[in-house]
C-alpha atoms as a PDB file:
ATOM      1  CA  MET A   1      71.314  64.512  74.874  1.00  0.00           C
ATOM      2  CA  SER A   2      71.334  68.175  74.926  1.00  0.00           C
ATOM      3  CA  LEU A   3      74.266  70.348  74.120  1.00  0.00           C
ATOM      4  CA  ARG A   4      74.371  71.688  77.606  1.00  0.00           C
ATOM      5  CA  THR A   5      74.580  68.020  79.092  1.00  0.00           C
ATOM      6  CA  ALA A   6      77.266  66.831  76.657  1.00  0.00           C
ATOM      7  CA  ALA A   7      79.586  69.971  77.198  1.00  0.00           C
ATOM      8  CA  LEU A   8      79.167  69.266  81.017  1.00  0.00           C
ATOM      9  CA  LEU A   9      80.136  65.339  80.308  1.00  0.00           C
ATOM     10  CA  LEU A  10      83.126  66.582  78.206  1.00  0.00           C
ATOM     11  CA  ALA A  11      84.409  68.912  80.899  1.00  0.00           C
ATOM     12  CA  ALA A  12      83.760  66.127  83.518  1.00  0.00           C
ATOM     13  CA  ALA A  13      85.750  63.718  81.325  1.00  0.00           C
ATOM     14  CA  ALA A  14      88.345  66.564  80.853  1.00  0.00           C
ATOM     15  CA  LEU A  15      88.842  67.049  84.422  1.00  0.00           C
ATOM     16  CA  ALA A  16      88.687  63.331  85.394  1.00  0.00           C
ATOM     17  CA  ALA A  17      92.049  62.982  83.139  1.00  0.00           C
ATOM     18  CA  ALA A  18      93.490  65.634  84.346  1.00  0.00           C
ATOM     19  CA  VAL A  19      93.152  64.437  88.007  1.00  0.00           C
ATOM     20  CA  ALA A  20      94.359  60.865  86.892  1.00  0.00           C
ATOM     21  CA  LEU A  21      97.597  62.392  85.386  1.00  0.00           C
ATOM     22  CA  TRP A  22      98.324  64.439  88.305  1.00  0.00           C
ATOM     23  CA  ALA A  23      97.784  61.261  90.197  1.00  0.00           C
ATOM     24  CA  ARG A  24     100.143  59.354  88.503  1.00  0.00           C
ATOM     25  CA  ARG A  25     102.791  61.833  88.614  1.00  0.00           C
ATOM     26  CA  ALA A  26     105.188  60.704  91.364  1.00  0.00           C
ATOM     27  CA  PRO A  27     106.217  63.585  93.582  1.00  0.00           C
ATOM     28  CA  PRO A  28     109.883  64.532  93.249  1.00  0.00           C
ATOM     29  CA  GLY A  29     111.976  62.225  95.193  1.00  0.00           C
ATOM     30  CA  ASP A  30     114.132  63.232  98.283  1.00  0.00           C
ATOM     31  CA  ALA A  31     117.480  63.379  96.236  1.00  0.00           C
ATOM     32  CA  GLN A  32     115.826  65.596  93.863  1.00  0.00           C
ATOM     33  CA  ALA A  33     114.272  67.876  96.710  1.00  0.00           C
ATOM     34  CA  ILE A  34     117.844  68.139  98.290  1.00  0.00           C
ATOM     35  CA  ARG A  35     119.285  68.951  94.983  1.00  0.00           C
ATOM     36  CA  ALA A  36     116.669  71.789  94.580  1.00  0.00           C
ATOM     37  CA  LEU A  37     117.513  72.966  97.984  1.00  0.00           C
ATOM     38  CA  PHE A  38     121.188  73.588  96.928  1.00  0.00           C
ATOM     39  CA  ASP A  39     120.104  75.177  93.415  1.00  0.00           C
ATOM     40  CA  ASP A  40     117.328  77.442  95.008  1.00  0.00           C
ATOM     41  CA  ALA A  41     120.423  78.654  97.674  1.00  0.00           C
ATOM     42  CA  ALA A  42     122.985  79.308  94.676  1.00  0.00           C
ATOM     43  CA  ARG A  43     120.216  81.032  92.728  1.00  0.00           C
ATOM     44  CA  ALA A  44     119.312  83.357  95.671  1.00  0.00           C
ATOM     45  CA  ALA A  45     122.854  83.951  96.713  1.00  0.00           C
ATOM     46  CA  SER A  46     123.544  84.963  92.978  1.00  0.00           C
ATOM     47  CA  GLU A  47     120.418  87.583  93.264  1.00  0.00           C
ATOM     48  CA  ARG A  48     121.739  88.635  96.557  1.00  0.00           C
ATOM     49  CA  ARG A  49     118.824  87.534  98.754  1.00  0.00           C
ATOM     50  CA  VAL A  50     120.448  86.271 101.735  1.00  0.00           C
ATOM     51  CA  SER A  51     117.558  85.211 103.723  1.00  0.00           C
ATOM     52  CA  ASP A  52     116.565  82.953 100.724  1.00  0.00           C
ATOM     53  CA  ALA A  53     120.099  81.918 100.430  1.00  0.00           C
ATOM     54  CA  VAL A  54     119.991  80.481 104.057  1.00  0.00           C
ATOM     55  CA  ALA A  55     116.462  78.965 103.867  1.00  0.00           C
ATOM     56  CA  GLY A  56     117.708  75.464 103.699  1.00  0.00           C
ATOM     57  CA  VAL A  57     119.586  75.755 106.647  1.00  0.00           C
ATOM     58  CA  SER A  58     118.353  74.528 109.896  1.00  0.00           C
ATOM     59  CA  GLU A  59     117.749  76.407 112.935  1.00  0.00           C
ATOM     60  CA  ALA A  60     119.787  73.601 114.709  1.00  0.00           C
ATOM     61  CA  PHE A  61     122.538  73.891 112.193  1.00  0.00           C
ATOM     62  CA  ALA A  62     125.937  73.684 113.501  1.00  0.00           C
ATOM     63  CA  GLY A  63     129.221  73.526 111.566  1.00  0.00           C
ATOM     64  CA  HIS A  64     132.481  75.093 110.765  1.00  0.00           C
ATOM     65  CA  GLY A  65     132.340  76.815 113.950  1.00  0.00           C
ATOM     66  CA  LEU A  66     128.950  78.650 112.785  1.00  0.00           C
ATOM     67  CA  ASP A  67     125.399  78.211 113.875  1.00  0.00           C
ATOM     68  CA  ARG A  68     122.597  79.237 111.505  1.00  0.00           C
ATOM     69  CA  ARG A  69     122.714  83.055 112.228  1.00  0.00           C
ATOM     70  CA  GLY A  70     126.568  82.830 111.777  1.00  0.00           C
ATOM     71  CA  VAL A  71     126.119  80.932 108.303  1.00  0.00           C
ATOM     72  CA  LYS A  72     123.487  84.066 107.459  1.00  0.00           C
ATOM     73  CA  GLN A  73     126.205  86.723 108.437  1.00  0.00           C
ATOM     74  CA  LEU A  74     128.721  85.107 106.362  1.00  0.00           C
ATOM     75  CA  VAL A  75     126.632  85.068 103.363  1.00  0.00           C
ATOM     76  CA  ALA A  76     125.787  88.810 103.870  1.00  0.00           C
ATOM     77  CA  PHE A  77     129.256  89.591 104.551  1.00  0.00           C
ATOM     78  CA  GLN A  78     130.008  88.195 101.177  1.00  0.00           C
ATOM     79  CA  VAL A  79     127.127  89.922  99.383  1.00  0.00           C
ATOM     80  CA  VAL A  80     128.594  92.987 100.792  1.00  0.00           C
ATOM     81  CA  ARG A  81     131.869  92.547  99.588  1.00  0.00           C
ATOM     82  CA  GLY A  82     130.777  91.878  96.384  1.00  0.00           C
ATOM     83  CA  GLU A  83     133.620  89.669  95.007  1.00  0.00           C
ATOM     84  CA  TRP A  84     131.372  87.133  93.356  1.00  0.00           C
ATOM     85  CA  VAL A  85     128.374  87.806  91.030  1.00  0.00           C
ATOM     86  CA  SER A  86     127.252  84.160  90.247  1.00  0.00           C
ATOM     87  CA  VAL A  87     126.991  81.233  92.260  1.00  0.00           C
ATOM     88  CA  THR A  88     126.504  77.670  90.334  1.00  0.00           C
ATOM     89  CA  ILE A  89     126.181  74.261  91.647  1.00  0.00           C
ATOM     90  CA  ALA A  90     128.814  72.352  89.740  1.00  0.00           C
ATOM     91  CA  GLY A  91     127.820  68.886  91.312  1.00  0.00           C
ATOM     92  CA  ALA A  92     126.255  67.145  93.973  1.00  0.00           C
ATOM     93  CA  SER A  93     126.368  63.573  95.268  1.00  0.00           C
ATOM     94  CA  ILE A  94     123.447  62.906  97.553  1.00  0.00           C
ATOM     95  CA  ALA A  95     122.518  59.822  99.696  1.00  0.00           C
ATOM     96  CA  VAL A  96     119.288  59.594 101.635  1.00  0.00           C
ATOM     97  CA  GLU A  97     118.585  57.178 104.488  1.00  0.00           C
ATOM     98  CA  GLY A  98     115.312  57.663 105.548  1.00  0.00           C
ATOM     99  CA  ASP A  99     114.954  60.938 107.568  1.00  0.00           C
ATOM    100  CA  ALA A 100     118.643  61.779 107.037  1.00  0.00           C
ATOM    101  CA  ALA A 101     120.680  62.354 104.171  1.00  0.00           C
ATOM    102  CA  ARG A 102     124.360  63.221 103.204  1.00  0.00           C
ATOM    103  CA  ALA A 103     125.318  65.634 100.253  1.00  0.00           C
ATOM    104  CA  ASN A 104     128.673  66.540  98.742  1.00  0.00           C
ATOM    105  CA  VAL A 105     128.307  69.502  96.660  1.00  0.00           C
ATOM    106  CA  ASP A 106     130.660  71.693  94.768  1.00  0.00           C
ATOM    107  CA  ALA A 107     129.842  75.210  94.139  1.00  0.00           C
ATOM    108  CA  VAL A 108     131.593  77.795  91.836  1.00  0.00           C
ATOM    109  CA  LEU A 109     131.517  81.477  92.637  1.00  0.00           C
ATOM    110  CA  ALA A 110     132.187  83.637  89.814  1.00  0.00           C
ATOM    111  CA  ARG A 111     133.444  87.267  89.444  1.00  0.00           C
ATOM    112  CA  GLY A 112     132.696  89.920  87.056  1.00  0.00           C
ATOM    113  CA  GLY A 113     132.093  89.179  83.502  1.00  0.00           C
ATOM    114  CA  ALA A 114     132.740  85.420  84.031  1.00  0.00           C
ATOM    115  CA  SER A 115     129.196  84.806  85.197  1.00  0.00           C
ATOM    116  CA  ALA A 116     128.039  84.334  81.526  1.00  0.00           C
ATOM    117  CA  LYS A 117     130.802  81.867  80.856  1.00  0.00           C
ATOM    118  CA  PRO A 118     130.268  77.926  80.964  1.00  0.00           C
ATOM    119  CA  LEU A 119     131.940  76.334  84.145  1.00  0.00           C
ATOM    120  CA  ALA A 120     134.599  74.659  81.786  1.00  0.00           C
ATOM    121  CA  ALA A 121     135.819  77.752  80.315  1.00  0.00           C
ATOM    122  CA  LEU A 122     136.355  79.671  83.611  1.00  0.00           C
ATOM    123  CA  LEU A 123     139.914  80.823  84.589  1.00  0.00           C
ATOM    124  CA  PRO A 124     141.058  80.368  88.157  1.00  0.00           C
ATOM    125  CA  GLY A 125     141.249  84.065  88.430  1.00  0.00           C
ATOM    126  CA  GLU A 126     137.674  84.506  87.342  1.00  0.00           C
ATOM    127  CA  ALA A 127     135.869  82.028  89.836  1.00  0.00           C
ATOM    128  CA  SER A 128     136.560  80.127  92.987  1.00  0.00           C
ATOM    129  CA  ALA A 129     135.071  76.979  94.181  1.00  0.00           C
ATOM    130  CA  HIS A 130     134.130  75.340  97.408  1.00  0.00           C
ATOM    131  CA  ARG A 131     133.284  71.578  98.344  1.00  0.00           C
ATOM    132  CA  PHE A 132     130.831  71.195 100.894  1.00  0.00           C
ATOM    133  CA  ALA A 133     130.090  68.202 102.992  1.00  0.00           C
ATOM    134  CA  CYS A 134     126.824  68.473 104.403  1.00  0.00           C
ATOM    135  CA  ARG A 135     124.524  66.466 106.968  1.00  0.00           C
ATOM    136  CA  LEU A 136     120.758  66.975 105.995  1.00  0.00           C
ATOM    137  CA  ALA A 137     117.565  66.277 108.129  1.00  0.00           C
ATOM    138  CA  ARG A 138     113.869  66.370 107.158  1.00  0.00           C
ATOM    139  CA  GLU A 139     112.182  68.808 109.120  1.00  0.00           C
ATOM    140  CA  GLU A 140     108.632  69.609 109.634  1.00  0.00           C
ATOM    141  CA  ASP A 141     108.953  71.740 106.286  1.00  0.00           C
ATOM    142  CA  GLY A 142     111.262  69.883 104.226  1.00  0.00           C
ATOM    143  CA  TRP A 143     114.887  68.914 104.280  1.00  0.00           C
ATOM    144  CA  ARG A 144     117.425  71.115 105.850  1.00  0.00           C
ATOM    145  CA  VAL A 145     121.018  71.289 106.266  1.00  0.00           C
ATOM    146  CA  VAL A 146     122.076  70.559 109.670  1.00  0.00           C
ATOM    147  CA  ALA A 147     125.795  70.338 109.594  1.00  0.00           C
ATOM    148  CA  ALA A 148     128.512  71.265 106.952  1.00  0.00           C
ATOM    149  CA  GLU A 149     132.008  71.593 106.491  1.00  0.00           C
ATOM    150  CA  TRP A 150     133.705  73.085 103.385  1.00  0.00           C
ATOM    151  CA  ARG A 151     136.975  73.813 102.036  1.00  0.00           C
ATOM    152  CA  PRO A 152     138.554  75.652  98.884  1.00  0.00           C
ATOM    153  CA  ILE A 153     139.029  73.175  95.739  1.00  0.00           C
ATOM    154  CA  ASP A 154     140.443  74.108  92.341  1.00  0.00           C
ATOM    155  CA  LEU A 155     137.906  74.471  89.396  1.00  0.00           C
ATOM    156  CA  ALA A 156     139.413  71.415  87.883  1.00  0.00           C
ATOM    157  CA  ALA A 157     138.191  69.436  91.055  1.00  0.00           C
ATOM    158  CA  ALA A 158     134.670  71.268  90.949  1.00  0.00           C
ATOM    159  CA  LEU A 159     134.524  69.914  87.192  1.00  0.00           C
ATOM    160  CA  ALA A 160     135.280  66.644  88.093  1.00  0.00           C
ATOM    161  CA  GLY A 161     132.627  66.390  90.666  1.00  0.00           C
ATOM    162  CA  PRO A 162     132.182  65.706  94.461  1.00  0.00           C
ATOM    163  CA  PRO A 163     132.911  62.124  96.064  1.00  0.00           C
ATOM    164  CA  ASP A 164     130.246  59.904  96.498  1.00  0.00           C
ATOM    165  CA  ALA A 165     127.803  61.042  99.411  1.00  0.00           C
ATOM    166  CA  ALA A 166     126.844  57.159 100.002  1.00  0.00           C
ATOM    167  CA  ASP A 167     130.622  56.160 100.828  1.00  0.00           C
ATOM    168  CA  GLY A 168     130.510  58.887 103.408  1.00  0.00           C
ATOM    169  CA  GLY A 169     133.176  61.022 101.736  1.00  0.00           C
END
């Protein structure tokens, strides 16, 4: 066997092994994809990228008296006001049922130098927390939030975590 033939066989074997490993890797589950949607939105909001922060909001969104455009305007207003410098998802509970899902998500908005602190070390004057109860739908390009209600909560409640989404709470 020539050196060239051996190299081609070795390359083919390596390629086959890589393809086999890739094929065995399970795609991320729906719950992980939904969690990533919220994490990406929080990161985008922290980086003041308004359009990216609302990318996971459906065109069909309705909630808290807002449509998708209203949510985008609300986020833009908060960015312009600049009262917070970072957004962190403190906890999320996600329940998926086919092409629909519910998620209870706690988000912490930190001010000024507080963004470098761990969540448990934040004082009430350094941050605020909100609990979001969201309904999601699997759309053509992935999971999107179609409805949401939210309310402020104290930091201790955010650290304790949201209620179980499977219970509808």
